C-alpha cells in the first residue's frame, strides 16, 4: 500500500511533459486501479482539444494525483470517477469517490505532505480554483477549474 501511495505522490524531476497530461492521468488511474479499486476515467473530447500552459498541465496532473492519493488513504474500497472536460473558457477536473467500504480511525499509510492546502495553493498560483468537500452519499468530491490558452491564429483549436 505504501509503495502505491508513493508512486501516486512521486514527484518526477521533469514534471508532466507538455501535451502529455492525458496520458499521464491515464497512467495515474491505471496504477490506482492495480490495487483493485473501481475507478472510471472520462476525458471529454473538448478537453482533449484544449491548449493549456505547461504549468497548468502539471497542476491538472497534481489534482488527480492528490485526489487519488486521498481516496487510497481515507476511503479504501470506494468507487472513484475522474472526469475532465472543457466548461466554457475553463478546464474542469473532478474526482469523486463514494463512501469507503470501511472506516479507518487512522489514514492508511500514515501522515502525508501538505495535502489539500498545498494543492489549493498550487491551483490558485496558475489562476485556477479548487473546492473539496464531502458529498451527500458519504463520499468526497475534489473539483478544480483552470484557464485555457486562447487559440492562436491558424491553429486548429
C-alpha atoms as a PDB file:
ATOM      1  CA  UNK A   1       0.000   0.000   0.000  1.00  0.00           C
ATOM      2  CA  UNK A   2       2.782   2.446   0.896  1.00  0.00           C
ATOM      3  CA  UNK A   3       4.518   1.730  -2.425  1.00  0.00           C
ATOM      4  CA  UNK A   4       1.341   2.557  -4.343  1.00  0.00           C
ATOM      5  CA  UNK A   5       0.821   5.794  -2.430  1.00  0.00           C
ATOM      6  CA  UNK A   6       4.481   6.710  -3.035  1.00  0.00           C
ATOM      7  CA  UNK A   7       4.052   6.098  -6.783  1.00  0.00           C
ATOM      8  CA  UNK A   8       0.937   8.269  -6.851  1.00  0.00           C
ATOM      9  CA  UNK A   9       2.683  11.082  -4.941  1.00  0.00           C
ATOM     10  CA  UNK A  10       6.122  10.782  -6.505  1.00  0.00           C
ATOM     11  CA  UNK A  11       7.475  13.997  -7.967  1.00  0.00           C
ATOM     12  CA  UNK A  12       9.382  13.317 -11.120  1.00  0.00           C
ATOM     13  CA  UNK A  13      12.050  15.909 -11.792  1.00  0.00           C
ATOM     14  CA  UNK A  14      10.803  16.651 -15.294  1.00  0.00           C
ATOM     15  CA  UNK A  15       7.126  17.078 -14.383  1.00  0.00           C
ATOM     16  CA  UNK A  16       4.424  16.449 -16.938  1.00  0.00           C
ATOM     17  CA  UNK A  17       5.802  16.835 -20.446  1.00  0.00           C
ATOM     18  CA  UNK A  18       3.824  19.418 -22.442  1.00  0.00           C
ATOM     19  CA  UNK A  19       0.967  17.828 -24.346  1.00  0.00           C
ATOM     20  CA  UNK A  20       1.096  14.524 -22.430  1.00  0.00           C
ATOM     21  CA  UNK A  21      -1.155  15.348 -19.494  1.00  0.00           C
ATOM     22  CA  UNK A  22      -3.963  12.994 -20.625  1.00  0.00           C
ATOM     23  CA  UNK A  23      -1.576  10.036 -20.985  1.00  0.00           C
ATOM     24  CA  UNK A  24      -0.121  10.816 -17.559  1.00  0.00           C
ATOM     25  CA  UNK A  25      -3.573  10.973 -15.974  1.00  0.00           C
ATOM     26  CA  UNK A  26      -4.469   7.648 -17.606  1.00  0.00           C
ATOM     27  CA  UNK A  27      -1.267   6.221 -16.104  1.00  0.00           C
ATOM     28  CA  UNK A  28      -2.199   7.506 -12.627  1.00  0.00           C
ATOM     29  CA  UNK A  29      -5.651   5.937 -12.915  1.00  0.00           C
ATOM     30  CA  UNK A  30      -4.141   2.666 -14.142  1.00  0.00           C
ATOM     31  CA  UNK A  31      -1.714   2.493 -11.191  1.00  0.00           C
ATOM     32  CA  UNK A  32      -4.535   3.323  -8.798  1.00  0.00           C
ATOM     33  CA  UNK A  33      -6.691   0.564 -10.338  1.00  0.00           C
ATOM     34  CA  UNK A  34      -3.965  -2.044  -9.825  1.00  0.00           C
ATOM     35  CA  UNK A  35      -4.853  -2.003  -6.135  1.00  0.00           C
ATOM     36  CA  UNK A  36      -8.275  -3.412  -7.010  1.00  0.00           C
ATOM     37  CA  UNK A  37     -10.085  -0.086  -6.766  1.00  0.00           C
ATOM     38  CA  UNK A  38     -13.016   0.614  -9.051  1.00  0.00           C
ATOM     39  CA  UNK A  39     -12.157   3.766 -10.984  1.00  0.00           C
ATOM     40  CA  UNK A  40     -13.585   5.316 -14.127  1.00  0.00           C
ATOM     41  CA  UNK A  41     -11.783   7.902 -16.230  1.00  0.00           C
ATOM     42  CA  UNK A  42     -13.541  10.215 -18.648  1.00  0.00           C
ATOM     43  CA  UNK A  43     -11.657  12.899 -20.554  1.00  0.00           C
ATOM     44  CA  UNK A  44     -14.126  14.684 -22.810  1.00  0.00           C
ATOM     45  CA  UNK A  45     -13.354  15.285 -26.453  1.00  0.00           C
ATOM     46  CA  UNK A  46     -13.478  19.040 -25.883  1.00  0.00           C
ATOM     47  CA  UNK A  47     -10.892  18.727 -23.095  1.00  0.00           C
ATOM     48  CA  UNK A  48      -8.538  16.758 -25.336  1.00  0.00           C
ATOM     49  CA  UNK A  49      -8.551  19.655 -27.799  1.00  0.00           C
ATOM     50  CA  UNK A  50      -7.757  22.499 -25.384  1.00  0.00           C
ATOM     51  CA  UNK A  51      -4.401  24.215 -25.091  1.00  0.00           C
ATOM     52  CA  UNK A  52      -3.027  24.526 -21.581  1.00  0.00           C
ATOM     53  CA  UNK A  53       0.069  26.259 -20.308  1.00  0.00           C
ATOM     54  CA  UNK A  54       2.697  23.733 -19.141  1.00  0.00           C
ATOM     55  CA  UNK A  55       2.312  24.803 -15.503  1.00  0.00           C
ATOM     56  CA  UNK A  56      -1.459  24.286 -15.779  1.00  0.00           C
ATOM     57  CA  UNK A  57      -0.913  20.784 -17.203  1.00  0.00           C
ATOM     58  CA  UNK A  58       1.278  19.971 -14.209  1.00  0.00           C
ATOM     59  CA  UNK A  59      -1.371  21.321 -11.831  1.00  0.00           C
ATOM     60  CA  UNK A  60      -4.138  19.293 -13.527  1.00  0.00           C
ATOM     61  CA  UNK A  61      -1.979  16.198 -13.062  1.00  0.00           C
ATOM     62  CA  UNK A  62      -1.355  17.038  -9.398  1.00  0.00           C
ATOM     63  CA  UNK A  63      -5.079  17.499  -8.679  1.00  0.00           C
ATOM     64  CA  UNK A  64      -5.832  13.996  -9.943  1.00  0.00           C
ATOM     65  CA  UNK A  65      -2.766  12.590  -8.181  1.00  0.00           C
ATOM     66  CA  UNK A  66      -3.617  14.149  -4.808  1.00  0.00           C
ATOM     67  CA  UNK A  67      -7.300  13.216  -5.033  1.00  0.00           C
ATOM     68  CA  UNK A  68      -6.476   9.571  -5.809  1.00  0.00           C
ATOM     69  CA  UNK A  69      -3.924   9.509  -3.005  1.00  0.00           C
ATOM     70  CA  UNK A  70      -6.557  10.824  -0.598  1.00  0.00           C
ATOM     71  CA  UNK A  71      -9.037   8.169  -1.717  1.00  0.00           C
ATOM     72  CA  UNK A  72      -6.402   5.496  -1.115  1.00  0.00           C
ATOM     73  CA  UNK A  73      -5.639   6.877   2.343  1.00  0.00           C
ATOM     74  CA  UNK A  74      -9.101   7.828   3.564  1.00  0.00           C
ATOM     75  CA  UNK A  75     -11.678   5.893   1.529  1.00  0.00           C
ATOM     76  CA  UNK A  76     -10.226   2.469   0.788  1.00  0.00           C
ATOM     77  CA  UNK A  77     -12.632   0.404  -1.293  1.00  0.00           C
ATOM     78  CA  UNK A  78     -14.606   3.380  -2.594  1.00  0.00           C
ATOM     79  CA  UNK A  79     -15.595   3.638  -6.244  1.00  0.00           C
ATOM     80  CA  UNK A  80     -13.927   6.587  -7.966  1.00  0.00           C
ATOM     81  CA  UNK A  81     -14.784   8.668 -11.028  1.00  0.00           C
ATOM     82  CA  UNK A  82     -12.295  11.052 -12.635  1.00  0.00           C
ATOM     83  CA  UNK A  83     -13.847  13.474 -15.118  1.00  0.00           C
ATOM     84  CA  UNK A  84     -12.157  16.163 -17.164  1.00  0.00           C
ATOM     85  CA  UNK A  85     -13.933  18.425 -19.618  1.00  0.00           C
ATOM     86  CA  UNK A  86     -13.999  21.904 -21.044  1.00  0.00           C
ATOM     87  CA  UNK A  87     -16.532  24.171 -19.346  1.00  0.00           C
ATOM     88  CA  UNK A  88     -16.719  27.410 -21.317  1.00  0.00           C
ATOM     89  CA  UNK A  89     -13.304  29.111 -21.187  1.00  0.00           C
ATOM     90  CA  UNK A  90     -12.151  26.836 -18.332  1.00  0.00           C
ATOM     91  CA  UNK A  91     -10.987  23.246 -17.981  1.00  0.00           C
ATOM     92  CA  UNK A  92     -12.862  21.413 -15.229  1.00  0.00           C
ATOM     93  CA  UNK A  93     -11.328  18.470 -13.346  1.00  0.00           C
ATOM     94  CA  UNK A  94     -13.439  16.462 -10.928  1.00  0.00           C
ATOM     95  CA  UNK A  95     -12.564  13.447  -8.804  1.00  0.00           C
ATOM     96  CA  UNK A  96     -15.463  11.939  -6.876  1.00  0.00           C
ATOM     97  CA  UNK A  97     -15.409   8.894  -4.645  1.00  0.00           C
ATOM     98  CA  UNK A  98     -18.240   7.062  -2.959  1.00  0.00           C
ATOM     99  CA  UNK A  99     -18.224   6.287   0.747  1.00  0.00           C
ATOM    100  CA  UNK A 100     -15.375   3.987   1.797  1.00  0.00           C
ATOM    101  CA  UNK A 101     -16.012   0.266   2.189  1.00  0.00           C
ATOM    102  CA  UNK A 102     -14.887   0.550   5.835  1.00  0.00           C
ATOM    103  CA  UNK A 103     -13.953   3.488   8.043  1.00  0.00           C
ATOM    104  CA  UNK A 104     -10.404   3.655   9.428  1.00  0.00           C
ATOM    105  CA  UNK A 105      -9.573   5.671  12.532  1.00  0.00           C
ATOM    106  CA  UNK A 106      -6.105   6.475  11.167  1.00  0.00           C
ATOM    107  CA  UNK A 107      -5.421   7.053   7.462  1.00  0.00           C
ATOM    108  CA  UNK A 108      -3.841   4.074   5.717  1.00  0.00           C
ATOM    109  CA  UNK A 109      -0.148   4.789   5.110  1.00  0.00           C
ATOM    110  CA  UNK A 110       0.395   7.271   7.947  1.00  0.00           C
ATOM    111  CA  UNK A 111       0.785  11.016   7.579  1.00  0.00           C
ATOM    112  CA  UNK A 112       1.482  12.661   4.242  1.00  0.00           C
ATOM    113  CA  UNK A 113       2.541  16.056   2.968  1.00  0.00           C
ATOM    114  CA  UNK A 114       0.671  19.311   2.506  1.00  0.00           C
ATOM    115  CA  UNK A 115      -2.486  17.718   1.094  1.00  0.00           C
ATOM    116  CA  UNK A 116      -5.380  19.880   0.023  1.00  0.00           C
ATOM    117  CA  UNK A 117      -3.884  23.089   1.425  1.00  0.00           C
ATOM    118  CA  UNK A 118      -0.828  22.762  -0.788  1.00  0.00           C
ATOM    119  CA  UNK A 119      -2.973  21.654  -3.706  1.00  0.00           C
ATOM    120  CA  UNK A 120      -5.214  24.723  -3.380  1.00  0.00           C
ATOM    121  CA  UNK A 121      -2.129  26.962  -3.363  1.00  0.00           C
ATOM    122  CA  UNK A 122      -0.773  25.232  -6.488  1.00  0.00           C
ATOM    123  CA  UNK A 123      -4.093  25.584  -8.334  1.00  0.00           C
ATOM    124  CA  UNK A 124      -4.549  29.235  -7.365  1.00  0.00           C
ATOM    125  CA  UNK A 125      -0.981  30.014  -8.450  1.00  0.00           C
ATOM    126  CA  UNK A 126      -1.998  29.219 -12.059  1.00  0.00           C
ATOM    127  CA  UNK A 127      -5.256  31.228 -11.793  1.00  0.00           C
ATOM    128  CA  UNK A 128      -7.385  28.176 -11.057  1.00  0.00           C
ATOM    129  CA  UNK A 129      -9.879  27.422  -8.314  1.00  0.00           C
ATOM    130  CA  UNK A 130     -10.219  24.324  -6.126  1.00  0.00           C
ATOM    131  CA  UNK A 131     -13.043  23.036  -3.975  1.00  0.00           C
ATOM    132  CA  UNK A 132     -13.031  19.884  -1.889  1.00  0.00           C
ATOM    133  CA  UNK A 133     -15.994  18.762   0.169  1.00  0.00           C
ATOM    134  CA  UNK A 134     -17.921  15.732   1.383  1.00  0.00           C
ATOM    135  CA  UNK A 135     -20.867  14.590  -0.722  1.00  0.00           C
ATOM    136  CA  UNK A 136     -24.385  13.559   0.283  1.00  0.00           C
ATOM    137  CA  UNK A 137     -23.558   9.902  -0.483  1.00  0.00           C
ATOM    138  CA  UNK A 138     -20.823   9.799   2.184  1.00  0.00           C
ATOM    139  CA  UNK A 139     -18.038  10.264  -0.338  1.00  0.00           C
ATOM    140  CA  UNK A 140     -15.835  13.162  -1.285  1.00  0.00           C
ATOM    141  CA  UNK A 141     -15.505  15.441  -4.319  1.00  0.00           C
ATOM    142  CA  UNK A 142     -12.489  17.462  -5.406  1.00  0.00           C
ATOM    143  CA  UNK A 143     -13.182  19.931  -8.215  1.00  0.00           C
ATOM    144  CA  UNK A 144     -10.732  22.261  -9.895  1.00  0.00           C
ATOM    145  CA  UNK A 145     -11.043  24.562 -12.842  1.00  0.00           C
ATOM    146  CA  UNK A 146      -8.189  26.002 -14.826  1.00  0.00           C
ATOM    147  CA  UNK A 147      -7.692  28.651 -17.502  1.00  0.00           C
ATOM    148  CA  UNK A 148      -7.210  27.526 -21.071  1.00  0.00           C
ATOM    149  CA  UNK A 149      -4.927  29.270 -23.530  1.00  0.00           C
ATOM    150  CA  UNK A 150      -6.613  31.192 -26.322  1.00  0.00           C
ATOM    151  CA  UNK A 151      -6.359  29.630 -29.759  1.00  0.00           C
ATOM    152  CA  UNK A 152      -3.662  31.178 -31.901  1.00  0.00           C
ATOM    153  CA  UNK A 153      -4.407  32.378 -35.430  1.00  0.00           C
ATOM    154  CA  UNK A 154      -4.033  29.457 -37.837  1.00  0.00           C
ATOM    155  CA  UNK A 155      -4.247  26.786 -35.118  1.00  0.00           C
ATOM    156  CA  UNK A 156      -6.898  24.053 -35.337  1.00  0.00           C
ATOM    157  CA  UNK A 157      -8.476  24.890 -31.944  1.00  0.00           C
END
